[in-house]
């Protein structure tokens, strides 16, 4: 079994910053590729950012490019979110691909007030 535990998030004013963290543990034998997704009310879950196992390659949604940074320290990933906008308000989820199975974190609310 694999567990993903998220931390961080909360309420911030537009223009502010937040940092999310996600730690993977359990039956992990190799550092997995991981990522962040988000789901706003009434919308589908969408990709925010992904990072490869080595951390050498990252991918971002156009909407967050230049404002968000994904990073990792072994089986823990982070999402540094700067210049936050009200449209970034959503529940943020991390995931990890382990042995061809996708695992998800519990989700954390990020609310950006205008």
Protein backbone atom coordinates (compact mmCIF):
# COMPACT_ATOMS: atom_id res chain seq x y z
CA UNK A 1 0.00 0.00 0.00
CA UNK A 2 1.03 3.56 -0.73
CA UNK A 3 -0.06 6.60 1.23
CA UNK A 4 0.17 10.22 0.15
CA UNK A 5 -0.18 12.79 2.91
CA UNK A 6 -0.60 16.43 1.99
CA UNK A 7 0.06 19.54 4.05
CA UNK A 8 -0.11 23.26 3.50
CA UNK A 9 -2.81 25.27 1.80
CA UNK A 10 -5.25 27.69 3.35
CA UNK A 11 -6.55 31.18 2.71
CA UNK A 12 -4.47 33.93 1.12
CA UNK A 13 -5.09 37.26 -0.54
CA UNK A 14 -4.55 37.70 -4.26
CA UNK A 15 -0.89 38.24 -5.00
CA UNK A 16 0.18 36.16 -2.03
CA UNK A 17 2.03 32.87 -1.80
CA UNK A 18 1.43 29.41 -0.41
CA UNK A 19 3.40 26.20 -0.33
CA UNK A 20 1.95 22.71 -0.53
CA UNK A 21 3.74 19.51 0.39
CA UNK A 22 2.98 15.86 -0.32
CA UNK A 23 4.84 12.94 1.20
CA UNK A 24 4.59 9.44 -0.23
CA UNK A 25 5.22 6.43 1.97
CA UNK A 26 4.54 2.70 2.08
CA UNK A 27 5.41 0.11 -0.54
CA UNK A 28 7.64 2.35 -2.63
CA UNK A 29 10.78 0.77 -4.00
CA UNK A 30 11.65 3.40 -6.57
CA UNK A 31 11.13 7.14 -6.51
CA UNK A 32 7.88 7.62 -8.43
CA UNK A 33 6.89 10.35 -10.85
CA UNK A 34 4.48 12.65 -9.02
CA UNK A 35 2.27 15.60 -9.69
CA UNK A 36 -0.24 18.15 -8.53
CA UNK A 37 -3.80 18.50 -9.78
CA UNK A 38 -6.62 20.75 -8.71
CA UNK A 39 -10.39 20.79 -8.84
CA UNK A 40 -12.45 23.94 -8.56
CA UNK A 41 -16.16 23.83 -7.69
CA UNK A 42 -18.21 22.65 -10.64
CA UNK A 43 -15.13 21.90 -12.73
CA UNK A 44 -13.16 18.83 -13.67
CA UNK A 45 -9.88 17.99 -12.01
CA UNK A 46 -7.03 19.49 -14.00
CA UNK A 47 -3.28 19.09 -14.14
CA UNK A 48 -1.23 21.75 -12.39
CA UNK A 49 2.31 20.42 -12.52
CA UNK A 50 4.24 17.16 -12.76
CA UNK A 51 7.77 16.12 -11.97
CA UNK A 52 9.75 13.09 -13.05
CA UNK A 53 11.35 10.58 -10.70
CA UNK A 54 14.73 12.26 -10.94
CA UNK A 55 13.27 15.72 -10.64
CA UNK A 56 15.06 16.62 -13.82
CA UNK A 57 11.96 17.38 -15.82
CA UNK A 58 8.85 19.31 -14.91
CA UNK A 59 5.64 20.23 -16.71
CA UNK A 60 3.17 22.99 -15.94
CA UNK A 61 -0.30 24.00 -16.98
CA UNK A 62 -0.24 27.20 -19.02
CA UNK A 63 -2.34 28.92 -16.36
CA UNK A 64 0.33 28.50 -13.68
CA UNK A 65 3.52 28.66 -15.74
CA UNK A 66 5.90 31.21 -14.26
CA UNK A 67 3.98 31.46 -10.99
CA UNK A 68 4.10 27.93 -9.57
CA UNK A 69 7.14 25.74 -9.03
CA UNK A 70 7.11 22.02 -8.41
CA UNK A 71 10.10 20.43 -6.71
CA UNK A 72 10.93 17.23 -4.89
CA UNK A 73 13.11 15.68 -2.25
CA UNK A 74 12.99 11.93 -2.91
CA UNK A 75 9.40 10.80 -2.27
CA UNK A 76 8.21 14.20 -1.12
CA UNK A 77 7.08 16.90 -3.49
CA UNK A 78 6.30 20.55 -3.05
CA UNK A 79 4.31 23.14 -4.92
CA UNK A 80 5.40 26.72 -4.36
CA UNK A 81 2.59 28.99 -5.49
CA UNK A 82 3.36 32.68 -5.99
CA UNK A 83 1.31 35.57 -7.36
CA UNK A 84 -1.85 33.69 -6.53
CA UNK A 85 -5.08 34.67 -8.24
CA UNK A 86 -8.71 34.10 -7.23
CA UNK A 87 -9.02 31.63 -10.10
CA UNK A 88 -6.40 29.44 -8.39
CA UNK A 89 -8.99 28.66 -5.73
CA UNK A 90 -9.52 24.91 -5.70
CA UNK A 91 -8.87 21.69 -3.85
CA UNK A 92 -5.35 20.61 -4.70
CA UNK A 93 -4.41 16.94 -4.92
CA UNK A 94 -1.04 15.27 -5.30
CA UNK A 95 -0.56 11.94 -7.00
CA UNK A 96 2.14 9.35 -7.51
CA UNK A 97 2.53 6.59 -10.07
CA UNK A 98 3.78 3.50 -8.25
CA UNK A 99 4.01 0.11 -9.97
CA UNK A 100 1.68 1.33 -12.72
CA UNK A 101 -0.96 2.34 -10.18
CA UNK A 102 -1.96 5.91 -9.51
CA UNK A 103 -2.35 6.99 -5.89
CA UNK A 104 -3.88 10.26 -4.67
CA UNK A 105 -3.46 12.45 -1.64
CA UNK A 106 -6.38 13.51 0.52
CA UNK A 107 -6.68 16.97 -1.03
CA UNK A 108 -6.13 20.37 0.51
CA UNK A 109 -8.14 23.54 0.05
CA UNK A 110 -6.50 26.64 -1.37
CA UNK A 111 -8.62 29.78 -1.31
CA UNK A 112 -7.46 33.05 -2.84
CA UNK A 113 -9.48 36.12 -1.96
CA UNK A 114 -9.66 39.15 -4.22
